């Protein structure tokens, strides 16, 4: 049993050496009435990709499949009108069943013909492979309808016999995927349960160890903080001992003496004398600072500083 689907778009070779590229398989051609396979149409390549050429026909009994390619015999009666005359095919009445619409006896459209299965020995058609249009044929699959259920062919439509019950689609990826998904689901659930049990055993012991480690680290951190406080306090005490007692400045002594023996002087005279002394001392400090800077600059420049008169 072979299907016309196997030959769609297959490369066709011919010629004396059977190596010449003729074209690719386009459609299957059937006898009217008996629906027997007559041969195949070949679509030829265009000349310079612009000029179309007529399709060619080869008989079903004059080819063989070699390395996935259709190789047609070189004899003249294998092609076109000579082949039709030899096999007794009336070309004007020949049928192309593929892509024909299929209707039930009451006129309900069922689908269209996607492929035809036939006996390879006598080329007798056995089944119509229908695509019902409810989804992709690769996903849902094709519905197999026996040729004995075909009542008639009217124009481009196939009418099925009365009382025919449409069977379910076969060979779709959805059915295969559902079966495989069920099998995989059972396997995955069993593996997940086994892995979960083993993981719980391992992680149970690890969680106890981790809790003990956290408590130990927290306790040691608190102890270290308390020790650092005492360490800084003892460092401060040792520093103060090494530095010795604080020295009392002359200004503080003078302020103390002034505060102790200042009852004989008035507050106005003390403020005036104090302001005069501070202003004079400030001027002398500024002059001494600038003169020292000037002397150092002259030394660096190579000139001797001038003596004050």
C-alpha atoms as a PDB file:
ATOM      1  CA  UNK A   1       0.000   0.000   0.000  1.00  0.00           C
ATOM      2  CA  UNK A   2       1.399   3.358  -1.057  1.00  0.00           C
ATOM      3  CA  UNK A   3       0.086   6.897  -0.823  1.00  0.00           C
ATOM      4  CA  UNK A   4       0.214   9.702  -3.336  1.00  0.00           C
ATOM      5  CA  UNK A   5       1.434  11.906  -0.501  1.00  0.00           C
ATOM      6  CA  UNK A   6       4.822  10.166  -0.706  1.00  0.00           C
ATOM      7  CA  UNK A   7       5.495  11.533  -4.211  1.00  0.00           C
ATOM      8  CA  UNK A   8       4.511  15.173  -3.801  1.00  0.00           C
ATOM      9  CA  UNK A   9       7.342  17.518  -4.783  1.00  0.00           C
ATOM     10  CA  UNK A  10       9.689  14.579  -5.424  1.00  0.00           C
ATOM     11  CA  UNK A  11      12.302  15.184  -8.116  1.00  0.00           C
ATOM     12  CA  UNK A  12      11.784  13.323 -11.437  1.00  0.00           C
ATOM     13  CA  UNK A  13      14.713  12.129 -13.555  1.00  0.00           C
ATOM     14  CA  UNK A  14      14.713  10.793 -17.108  1.00  0.00           C
ATOM     15  CA  UNK A  15      16.587  10.858 -20.392  1.00  0.00           C
ATOM     16  CA  UNK A  16      18.843   8.239 -21.989  1.00  0.00           C
ATOM     17  CA  UNK A  17      21.124   8.030 -18.961  1.00  0.00           C
ATOM     18  CA  UNK A  18      18.236   8.551 -16.526  1.00  0.00           C
ATOM     19  CA  UNK A  19      20.042  11.559 -15.035  1.00  0.00           C
ATOM     20  CA  UNK A  20      18.277  14.415 -16.738  1.00  0.00           C
ATOM     21  CA  UNK A  21      16.174  16.574 -14.417  1.00  0.00           C
ATOM     22  CA  UNK A  22      12.634  16.703 -15.743  1.00  0.00           C
ATOM     23  CA  UNK A  23      10.900  18.457 -12.833  1.00  0.00           C
ATOM     24  CA  UNK A  24       8.943  17.578  -9.694  1.00  0.00           C
ATOM     25  CA  UNK A  25       5.775  15.533  -9.110  1.00  0.00           C
ATOM     26  CA  UNK A  26       2.712  17.786  -9.011  1.00  0.00           C
ATOM     27  CA  UNK A  27      -0.470  15.664  -8.965  1.00  0.00           C
ATOM     28  CA  UNK A  28      -1.691  12.079  -9.296  1.00  0.00           C
ATOM     29  CA  UNK A  29      -4.023  11.231 -12.209  1.00  0.00           C
ATOM     30  CA  UNK A  30      -6.770   8.547 -11.978  1.00  0.00           C
ATOM     31  CA  UNK A  31      -9.037   6.681 -14.405  1.00  0.00           C
ATOM     32  CA  UNK A  32     -12.686   7.730 -14.323  1.00  0.00           C
ATOM     33  CA  UNK A  33     -15.152   5.180 -12.965  1.00  0.00           C
ATOM     34  CA  UNK A  34     -12.629   2.694 -11.554  1.00  0.00           C
ATOM     35  CA  UNK A  35     -10.510   5.369  -9.781  1.00  0.00           C
ATOM     36  CA  UNK A  36      -7.389   3.428 -10.658  1.00  0.00           C
ATOM     37  CA  UNK A  37      -4.093   5.292 -10.615  1.00  0.00           C
ATOM     38  CA  UNK A  38      -3.029   6.199 -14.150  1.00  0.00           C
ATOM     39  CA  UNK A  39       0.152   8.172 -13.496  1.00  0.00           C
ATOM     40  CA  UNK A  40       1.553  11.485 -12.313  1.00  0.00           C
ATOM     41  CA  UNK A  41       1.825  15.032 -13.613  1.00  0.00           C
ATOM     42  CA  UNK A  42       5.293  16.623 -13.555  1.00  0.00           C
ATOM     43  CA  UNK A  43       5.820  20.362 -13.181  1.00  0.00           C
ATOM     44  CA  UNK A  44       8.858  21.441 -15.205  1.00  0.00           C
ATOM     45  CA  UNK A  45      11.216  24.271 -14.436  1.00  0.00           C
ATOM     46  CA  UNK A  46      10.715  27.634 -16.099  1.00  0.00           C
ATOM     47  CA  UNK A  47      13.109  28.854 -18.781  1.00  0.00           C
ATOM     48  CA  UNK A  48      15.241  31.659 -17.315  1.00  0.00           C
ATOM     49  CA  UNK A  49      12.717  31.768 -14.453  1.00  0.00           C
ATOM     50  CA  UNK A  50      10.323  33.661 -16.750  1.00  0.00           C
ATOM     51  CA  UNK A  51       8.831  31.375 -19.406  1.00  0.00           C
ATOM     52  CA  UNK A  52       6.594  28.600 -18.179  1.00  0.00           C
ATOM     53  CA  UNK A  53       6.600  25.183 -19.805  1.00  0.00           C
ATOM     54  CA  UNK A  54       3.789  22.659 -20.103  1.00  0.00           C
ATOM     55  CA  UNK A  55       3.449  19.943 -17.508  1.00  0.00           C
ATOM     56  CA  UNK A  56       4.319  16.401 -18.532  1.00  0.00           C
ATOM     57  CA  UNK A  57       2.621  13.097 -17.697  1.00  0.00           C
ATOM     58  CA  UNK A  58       4.193   9.677 -17.092  1.00  0.00           C
ATOM     59  CA  UNK A  59       2.384   6.373 -16.607  1.00  0.00           C
ATOM     60  CA  UNK A  60       2.231   4.679 -13.221  1.00  0.00           C
ATOM     61  CA  UNK A  61       3.805   1.464 -14.563  1.00  0.00           C
ATOM     62  CA  UNK A  62       6.871   3.113 -16.069  1.00  0.00           C
ATOM     63  CA  UNK A  63       8.855   4.440 -13.115  1.00  0.00           C
ATOM     64  CA  UNK A  64      10.794   3.326 -10.078  1.00  0.00           C
ATOM     65  CA  UNK A  65      12.061   5.067  -6.954  1.00  0.00           C
ATOM     66  CA  UNK A  66      15.861   5.291  -6.639  1.00  0.00           C
ATOM     67  CA  UNK A  67      17.472   7.113  -3.684  1.00  0.00           C
ATOM     68  CA  UNK A  68      14.308   9.057  -2.973  1.00  0.00           C
ATOM     69  CA  UNK A  69      13.876  10.181  -6.596  1.00  0.00           C
ATOM     70  CA  UNK A  70      11.448   9.095  -9.288  1.00  0.00           C
ATOM     71  CA  UNK A  71      13.289   7.664 -12.303  1.00  0.00           C
ATOM     72  CA  UNK A  72      11.105   7.263 -15.414  1.00  0.00           C
ATOM     73  CA  UNK A  73      11.939   4.845 -18.239  1.00  0.00           C
ATOM     74  CA  UNK A  74      13.375   6.342 -21.407  1.00  0.00           C
ATOM     75  CA  UNK A  75      10.913   4.578 -23.723  1.00  0.00           C
ATOM     76  CA  UNK A  76       8.599   6.836 -25.703  1.00  0.00           C
ATOM     77  CA  UNK A  77       5.363   5.229 -24.533  1.00  0.00           C
ATOM     78  CA  UNK A  78       6.150   6.186 -20.904  1.00  0.00           C
ATOM     79  CA  UNK A  79       5.390   9.873 -21.450  1.00  0.00           C
ATOM     80  CA  UNK A  80       2.473  12.106 -22.374  1.00  0.00           C
ATOM     81  CA  UNK A  81       0.084  11.129 -25.208  1.00  0.00           C
ATOM     82  CA  UNK A  82       1.971   7.941 -26.047  1.00  0.00           C
ATOM     83  CA  UNK A  83       1.547   6.768 -22.456  1.00  0.00           C
ATOM     84  CA  UNK A  84      -2.163   7.684 -22.414  1.00  0.00           C
ATOM     85  CA  UNK A  85      -2.706   5.750 -25.650  1.00  0.00           C
ATOM     86  CA  UNK A  86      -0.841   2.727 -24.316  1.00  0.00           C
ATOM     87  CA  UNK A  87      -2.756   2.491 -20.998  1.00  0.00           C
ATOM     88  CA  UNK A  88      -6.102   3.496 -22.533  1.00  0.00           C
ATOM     89  CA  UNK A  89      -6.601   6.782 -20.684  1.00  0.00           C
ATOM     90  CA  UNK A  90      -8.941   9.436 -22.036  1.00  0.00           C
ATOM     91  CA  UNK A  91      -7.110  12.570 -20.955  1.00  0.00           C
ATOM     92  CA  UNK A  92     -10.195  14.776 -21.172  1.00  0.00           C
ATOM     93  CA  UNK A  93     -12.041  12.566 -18.673  1.00  0.00           C
ATOM     94  CA  UNK A  94      -9.137  11.803 -16.344  1.00  0.00           C
ATOM     95  CA  UNK A  95      -9.594  12.626 -12.648  1.00  0.00           C
ATOM     96  CA  UNK A  96      -7.412  14.423 -10.135  1.00  0.00           C
ATOM     97  CA  UNK A  97      -8.912  13.332  -6.811  1.00  0.00           C
ATOM     98  CA  UNK A  98      -6.594  15.326  -4.589  1.00  0.00           C
ATOM     99  CA  UNK A  99      -8.068  18.594  -3.236  1.00  0.00           C
ATOM    100  CA  UNK A 100     -11.593  17.553  -4.254  1.00  0.00           C
ATOM    101  CA  UNK A 101     -14.340  18.445  -1.756  1.00  0.00           C
ATOM    102  CA  UNK A 102     -16.149  15.527  -0.061  1.00  0.00           C
ATOM    103  CA  UNK A 103     -19.862  15.676   0.835  1.00  0.00           C
ATOM    104  CA  UNK A 104     -22.193  13.316   2.617  1.00  0.00           C
ATOM    105  CA  UNK A 105     -25.386  12.039   0.985  1.00  0.00           C
ATOM    106  CA  UNK A 106     -27.454  14.840   2.582  1.00  0.00           C
ATOM    107  CA  UNK A 107     -25.125  17.540   1.189  1.00  0.00           C
ATOM    108  CA  UNK A 108     -23.057  18.213   4.324  1.00  0.00           C
ATOM    109  CA  UNK A 109     -19.456  19.088   3.532  1.00  0.00           C
ATOM    110  CA  UNK A 110     -17.069  16.746   5.347  1.00  0.00           C
ATOM    111  CA  UNK A 111     -13.675  17.890   4.115  1.00  0.00           C
ATOM    112  CA  UNK A 112     -11.362  17.493   1.153  1.00  0.00           C
ATOM    113  CA  UNK A 113      -9.065  14.814  -0.226  1.00  0.00           C
ATOM    114  CA  UNK A 114      -5.487  15.196   0.963  1.00  0.00           C
ATOM    115  CA  UNK A 115      -4.087  11.946  -0.496  1.00  0.00           C
ATOM    116  CA  UNK A 116      -5.131   8.620  -2.005  1.00  0.00           C
ATOM    117  CA  UNK A 117      -3.873   5.203  -0.910  1.00  0.00           C
ATOM    118  CA  UNK A 118      -3.500   2.578  -3.655  1.00  0.00           C
ATOM    119  CA  UNK A 119      -2.170  -0.916  -4.206  1.00  0.00           C
ATOM    120  CA  UNK A 120       1.330  -0.747  -5.624  1.00  0.00           C
ATOM    121  CA  UNK A 121       0.943  -3.938  -7.659  1.00  0.00           C
ATOM    122  CA  UNK A 122      -2.223  -3.190  -9.654  1.00  0.00           C
ATOM    123  CA  UNK A 123      -2.554   0.574  -8.916  1.00  0.00           C
ATOM    124  CA  UNK A 124      -6.115   0.085  -7.609  1.00  0.00           C
ATOM    125  CA  UNK A 125      -7.239   2.898  -5.275  1.00  0.00           C
ATOM    126  CA  UNK A 126      -8.105   1.695  -1.781  1.00  0.00           C
ATOM    127  CA  UNK A 127      -8.792   4.684   0.478  1.00  0.00           C
ATOM    128  CA  UNK A 128      -9.305   8.419   0.400  1.00  0.00           C
ATOM    129  CA  UNK A 129      -7.383  10.314   3.088  1.00  0.00           C
ATOM    130  CA  UNK A 130      -9.609  13.237   4.121  1.00  0.00           C
ATOM    131  CA  UNK A 131      -8.724  16.396   5.974  1.00  0.00           C
ATOM    132  CA  UNK A 132     -11.858  17.461   7.847  1.00  0.00           C
ATOM    133  CA  UNK A 133     -10.768  21.063   8.411  1.00  0.00           C
ATOM    134  CA  UNK A 134     -11.152  20.925  12.220  1.00  0.00           C
ATOM    135  CA  UNK A 135      -7.432  21.604  12.601  1.00  0.00           C
ATOM    136  CA  UNK A 136      -4.063  21.077  11.059  1.00  0.00           C
ATOM    137  CA  UNK A 137      -3.812  17.677   9.403  1.00  0.00           C
ATOM    138  CA  UNK A 138      -0.370  17.229  10.952  1.00  0.00           C
ATOM    139  CA  UNK A 139      -1.880  17.833  14.402  1.00  0.00           C
ATOM    140  CA  UNK A 140      -5.297  16.179  14.161  1.00  0.00           C
ATOM    141  CA  UNK A 141      -4.505  13.601  11.486  1.00  0.00           C
ATOM    142  CA  UNK A 142      -6.396  12.348   8.422  1.00  0.00           C
ATOM    143  CA  UNK A 143      -9.642  10.432   8.159  1.00  0.00           C
ATOM    144  CA  UNK A 144      -9.528   7.244   6.085  1.00  0.00           C
ATOM    145  CA  UNK A 145     -12.563   6.689   3.842  1.00  0.00           C
ATOM    146  CA  UNK A 146     -12.770   3.483   1.746  1.00  0.00           C
ATOM    147  CA  UNK A 147     -13.243   3.904  -1.993  1.00  0.00           C
ATOM    148  CA  UNK A 148     -16.260   1.573  -1.754  1.00  0.00           C
ATOM    149  CA  UNK A 149     -18.055   4.382   0.148  1.00  0.00           C
ATOM    150  CA  UNK A 150     -17.863   6.742  -2.838  1.00  0.00           C
ATOM    151  CA  UNK A 151     -21.279   6.970  -4.477  1.00  0.00           C
ATOM    152  CA  UNK A 152     -20.425   9.336  -7.342  1.00  0.00           C
ATOM    153  CA  UNK A 153     -18.312  12.241  -8.482  1.00  0.00           C
ATOM    154  CA  UNK A 154     -20.085  15.367  -9.660  1.00  0.00           C
ATOM    155  CA  UNK A 155     -17.821  18.018 -11.093  1.00  0.00           C
ATOM    156  CA  UNK A 156     -15.130  18.701  -8.477  1.00  0.00           C
ATOM    157  CA  UNK A 157     -17.060  17.086  -5.616  1.00  0.00           C
ATOM    158  CA  UNK A 158     -17.138  13.535  -4.253  1.00  0.00           C
ATOM    159  CA  UNK A 159     -20.468  12.285  -2.903  1.00  0.00           C
ATOM    160  CA  UNK A 160     -20.352   9.529  -0.305  1.00  0.00           C
ATOM    161  CA  UNK A 161     -22.935   6.776  -0.076  1.00  0.00           C
ATOM    162  CA  UNK A 162     -25.934   7.080   2.208  1.00  0.00           C
ATOM    163  CA  UNK A 163     -25.513   5.718   5.729  1.00  0.00           C
ATOM    164  CA  UNK A 164     -21.753   6.167   5.773  1.00  0.00           C
ATOM    165  CA  UNK A 165     -20.363   6.935   9.243  1.00  0.00           C
ATOM    166  CA  UNK A 166     -17.256   9.067   9.297  1.00  0.00           C
ATOM    167  CA  UNK A 167     -14.488   7.363  11.320  1.00  0.00           C
ATOM    168  CA  UNK A 168     -12.106   9.176  13.638  1.00  0.00           C
ATOM    169  CA  UNK A 169      -8.921  10.798  12.396  1.00  0.00           C
ATOM    170  CA  UNK A 170      -5.713   8.793  12.527  1.00  0.00           C
ATOM    171  CA  UNK A 171      -2.001   9.534  12.726  1.00  0.00           C
ATOM    172  CA  UNK A 172      -2.255  13.006  14.254  1.00  0.00           C
ATOM    173  CA  UNK A 173       0.406  14.414  16.507  1.00  0.00           C
ATOM    174  CA  UNK A 174      -2.174  15.331  19.135  1.00  0.00           C
ATOM    175  CA  UNK A 175      -3.111  11.719  19.846  1.00  0.00           C
ATOM    176  CA  UNK A 176       0.518  10.647  19.918  1.00  0.00           C
ATOM    177  CA  UNK A 177       1.413  13.561  22.142  1.00  0.00           C
ATOM    178  CA  UNK A 178      -1.425  12.722  24.540  1.00  0.00           C
ATOM    179  CA  UNK A 179      -0.252   9.144  24.920  1.00  0.00           C
ATOM    180  CA  UNK A 180       3.361  10.148  25.391  1.00  0.00           C
ATOM    181  CA  UNK A 181       2.388  12.891  27.849  1.00  0.00           C
ATOM    182  CA  UNK A 182       0.511  10.403  30.011  1.00  0.00           C
ATOM    183  CA  UNK A 183       3.483   8.046  30.081  1.00  0.00           C
ATOM    184  CA  UNK A 184       5.953  10.846  30.793  1.00  0.00           C
ATOM    185  CA  UNK A 185       3.692  12.289  33.493  1.00  0.00           C
ATOM    186  CA  UNK A 186       3.617   9.021  35.400  1.00  0.00           C
ATOM    187  CA  UNK A 187       7.376   8.611  35.174  1.00  0.00           C
ATOM    188  CA  UNK A 188       8.029  12.198  36.249  1.00  0.00           C
ATOM    189  CA  UNK A 189       5.697  11.970  39.242  1.00  0.00           C
ATOM    190  CA  UNK A 190       7.376   8.789  40.465  1.00  0.00           C
ATOM    191  CA  UNK A 191      10.856  10.277  40.029  1.00  0.00           C
ATOM    192  CA  UNK A 192       9.771  13.491  41.773  1.00  0.00           C
ATOM    193  CA  UNK A 193       8.485  11.604  44.783  1.00  0.00           C
ATOM    194  CA  UNK A 194      11.707   9.611  45.087  1.00  0.00           C
ATOM    195  CA  UNK A 195      13.874  12.722  44.755  1.00  0.00           C
ATOM    196  CA  UNK A 196      11.728  14.626  47.264  1.00  0.00           C
ATOM    197  CA  UNK A 197      12.138  11.906  49.874  1.00  0.00           C
ATOM    198  CA  UNK A 198      15.927  11.810  49.476  1.00  0.00           C
ATOM    199  CA  UNK A 199      16.200  15.608  49.519  1.00  0.00           C
ATOM    200  CA  UNK A 200      14.125  15.875  52.699  1.00  0.00           C
ATOM    201  CA  UNK A 201      16.465  13.459  54.472  1.00  0.00           C
ATOM    202  CA  UNK A 202      19.535  15.462  53.509  1.00  0.00           C
ATOM    203  CA  UNK A 203      18.089  18.921  54.119  1.00  0.00           C
ATOM    204  CA  UNK A 204      16.641  17.906  57.491  1.00  0.00           C
ATOM    205  CA  UNK A 205      20.107  17.305  58.971  1.00  0.00           C
ATOM    206  CA  UNK A 206      21.517  20.380  57.272  1.00  0.00           C
ATOM    207  CA  UNK A 207      18.843  22.672  58.748  1.00  0.00           C
ATOM    208  CA  UNK A 208      19.653  21.531  62.311  1.00  0.00           C
ATOM    209  CA  UNK A 209      23.351  22.163  61.784  1.00  0.00           C
ATOM    210  CA  UNK A 210      22.666  25.555  60.253  1.00  0.00           C
ATOM    211  CA  UNK A 211      20.510  26.623  63.243  1.00  0.00           C
ATOM    212  CA  UNK A 212      23.225  25.693  65.727  1.00  0.00           C
ATOM    213  CA  UNK A 213      25.842  27.565  63.691  1.00  0.00           C
ATOM    214  CA  UNK A 214      23.753  30.755  63.614  1.00  0.00           C
ATOM    215  CA  UNK A 215      23.229  30.721  67.384  1.00  0.00           C
ATOM    216  CA  UNK A 216      26.955  30.230  68.019  1.00  0.00           C
ATOM    217  CA  UNK A 217      27.923  33.109  65.724  1.00  0.00           C
ATOM    218  CA  UNK A 218      25.418  35.467  67.365  1.00  0.00           C
ATOM    219  CA  UNK A 219      26.706  34.651  70.850  1.00  0.00           C
ATOM    220  CA  UNK A 220      30.349  35.155  69.858  1.00  0.00           C
ATOM    221  CA  UNK A 221      29.521  38.492  68.182  1.00  0.00           C
ATOM    222  CA  UNK A 222      27.919  39.837  71.367  1.00  0.00           C
ATOM    223  CA  UNK A 223      30.913  38.801  73.441  1.00  0.00           C
ATOM    224  CA  UNK A 224      33.307  40.510  71.017  1.00  0.00           C
ATOM    225  CA  UNK A 225      31.340  43.773  71.183  1.00  0.00           C
ATOM    226  CA  UNK A 226      31.467  43.805  75.005  1.00  0.00           C
ATOM    227  CA  UNK A 227      35.222  43.097  74.963  1.00  0.00           C
ATOM    228  CA  UNK A 228      35.851  45.954  72.525  1.00  0.00           C
ATOM    229  CA  UNK A 229      34.079  48.414  74.819  1.00  0.00           C
ATOM    230  CA  UNK A 230      36.360  47.509  77.754  1.00  0.00           C
ATOM    231  CA  UNK A 231      39.417  47.608  75.505  1.00  0.00           C
ATOM    232  CA  UNK A 232      38.752  51.195  74.360  1.00  0.00           C
ATOM    233  CA  UNK A 233      38.105  52.347  77.942  1.00  0.00           C
ATOM    234  CA  UNK A 234      41.391  50.872  79.203  1.00  0.00           C
ATOM    235  CA  UNK A 235      43.253  52.416  76.242  1.00  0.00           C
ATOM    236  CA  UNK A 236      41.902  55.855  77.186  1.00  0.00           C
ATOM    237  CA  UNK A 237      43.035  55.482  80.804  1.00  0.00           C
ATOM    238  CA  UNK A 238      46.545  54.409  79.808  1.00  0.00           C
ATOM    239  CA  UNK A 239      46.834  57.339  77.410  1.00  0.00           C
ATOM    240  CA  UNK A 240      45.882  59.842  80.073  1.00  0.00           C
ATOM    241  CA  UNK A 241      48.427  58.358  82.501  1.00  0.00           C
ATOM    242  CA  UNK A 242      51.226  58.575  79.937  1.00  0.00           C
ATOM    243  CA  UNK A 243      50.340  62.188  79.075  1.00  0.00           C
ATOM    244  CA  UNK A 244      50.651  63.343  82.713  1.00  0.00           C
ATOM    245  CA  UNK A 245      48.713  66.138  84.459  1.00  0.00           C
ATOM    246  CA  UNK A 246      47.361  69.007  82.426  1.00  0.00           C
ATOM    247  CA  UNK A 247      49.569  72.184  82.283  1.00  0.00           C
ATOM    248  CA  UNK A 248      48.033  75.493  83.271  1.00  0.00           C
ATOM    249  CA  UNK A 249      48.736  78.255  80.734  1.00  0.00           C
ATOM    250  CA  UNK A 250      50.125  81.667  81.610  1.00  0.00           C
ATOM    251  CA  UNK A 251      47.023  83.372  80.333  1.00  0.00           C
ATOM    252  CA  UNK A 252      44.876  81.415  82.745  1.00  0.00           C
ATOM    253  CA  UNK A 253      47.206  82.318  85.617  1.00  0.00           C
ATOM    254  CA  UNK A 254      47.076  85.987  84.650  1.00  0.00           C
ATOM    255  CA  UNK A 255      43.341  85.918  84.434  1.00  0.00           C
ATOM    256  CA  UNK A 256      43.217  84.326  87.853  1.00  0.00           C
ATOM    257  CA  UNK A 257      45.469  86.972  89.399  1.00  0.00           C
ATOM    258  CA  UNK A 258      43.490  89.777  87.779  1.00  0.00           C
ATOM    259  CA  UNK A 259      40.277  88.373  89.093  1.00  0.00           C
ATOM    260  CA  UNK A 260      41.771  87.963  92.606  1.00  0.00           C
ATOM    261  CA  UNK A 261      43.534  91.397  92.975  1.00  0.00           C
ATOM    262  CA  UNK A 262      41.455  93.588  90.712  1.00  0.00           C
ATOM    263  CA  UNK A 263      39.392  95.281  93.482  1.00  0.00           C
ATOM    264  CA  UNK A 264      41.719  98.437  93.580  1.00  0.00           C
ATOM    265  CA  UNK A 265      41.200  99.209  89.862  1.00  0.00           C
ATOM    266  CA  UNK A 266      38.070 100.349  88.137  1.00  0.00           C
ATOM    267  CA  UNK A 267      36.440  98.314  85.435  1.00  0.00           C
ATOM    268  CA  UNK A 268      36.723 101.110  82.824  1.00  0.00           C
ATOM    269  CA  UNK A 269      40.498 101.623  83.214  1.00  0.00           C
ATOM    270  CA  UNK A 270      41.166  97.875  83.158  1.00  0.00           C
ATOM    271  CA  UNK A 271      39.229  97.443  79.915  1.00  0.00           C
ATOM    272  CA  UNK A 272      41.035 100.363  78.233  1.00  0.00           C
ATOM    273  CA  UNK A 273      44.500  99.211  79.267  1.00  0.00           C
ATOM    274  CA  UNK A 274      43.710  95.667  78.236  1.00  0.00           C
ATOM    275  CA  UNK A 275      42.519  96.732  74.765  1.00  0.00           C
ATOM    276  CA  UNK A 276      45.612  98.933  74.276  1.00  0.00           C
ATOM    277  CA  UNK A 277      47.983  96.149  75.217  1.00  0.00           C
ATOM    278  CA  UNK A 278      46.236  93.636  72.923  1.00  0.00           C
ATOM    279  CA  UNK A 279      46.330  96.018  69.948  1.00  0.00           C
ATOM    280  CA  UNK A 280      50.015  96.745  70.431  1.00  0.00           C
ATOM    281  CA  UNK A 281      50.891  93.111  70.842  1.00  0.00           C
ATOM    282  CA  UNK A 282      48.913  92.284  67.673  1.00  0.00           C
ATOM    283  CA  UNK A 283      50.828  94.858  65.596  1.00  0.00           C
ATOM    284  CA  UNK A 284      54.186  93.681  66.903  1.00  0.00           C
ATOM    285  CA  UNK A 285      53.277  90.053  66.109  1.00  0.00           C
ATOM    286  CA  UNK A 286      52.256  90.956  62.521  1.00  0.00           C
ATOM    287  CA  UNK A 287      55.431  92.987  61.963  1.00  0.00           C
ATOM    288  CA  UNK A 288      57.625  90.246  63.333  1.00  0.00           C
ATOM    289  CA  UNK A 289      55.876  87.658  61.147  1.00  0.00           C
ATOM    290  CA  UNK A 290      56.314  89.639  57.925  1.00  0.00           C
ATOM    291  CA  UNK A 291      59.895  90.627  58.676  1.00  0.00           C
ATOM    292  CA  UNK A 292      60.805  87.002  59.333  1.00  0.00           C
ATOM    293  CA  UNK A 293      59.153  85.976  56.074  1.00  0.00           C
ATOM    294  CA  UNK A 294      61.040  88.709  54.217  1.00  0.00           C
ATOM    295  CA  UNK A 295      64.397  87.624  55.697  1.00  0.00           C
ATOM    296  CA  UNK A 296      63.800  84.012  54.715  1.00  0.00           C
ATOM    297  CA  UNK A 297      62.816  85.064  51.179  1.00  0.00           C
ATOM    298  CA  UNK A 298      65.967  87.141  50.736  1.00  0.00           C
ATOM    299  CA  UNK A 299      68.109  84.280  51.990  1.00  0.00           C
ATOM    300  CA  UNK A 300      66.571  81.971  49.441  1.00  0.00           C
ATOM    301  CA  UNK A 301      67.017  84.589  46.679  1.00  0.00           C
ATOM    302  CA  UNK A 302      70.755  85.080  47.509  1.00  0.00           C
ATOM    303  CA  UNK A 303      70.624  88.656  48.833  1.00  0.00           C
ATOM    304  CA  UNK A 304      71.527  89.623  52.371  1.00  0.00           C
ATOM    305  CA  UNK A 305      68.807  91.089  54.502  1.00  0.00           C
ATOM    306  CA  UNK A 306      69.134  94.759  55.383  1.00  0.00           C
ATOM    307  CA  UNK A 307      69.863  95.651  58.966  1.00  0.00           C
ATOM    308  CA  UNK A 308      67.301  97.750  60.702  1.00  0.00           C
ATOM    309  CA  UNK A 309      68.458 101.295  61.613  1.00  0.00           C
END
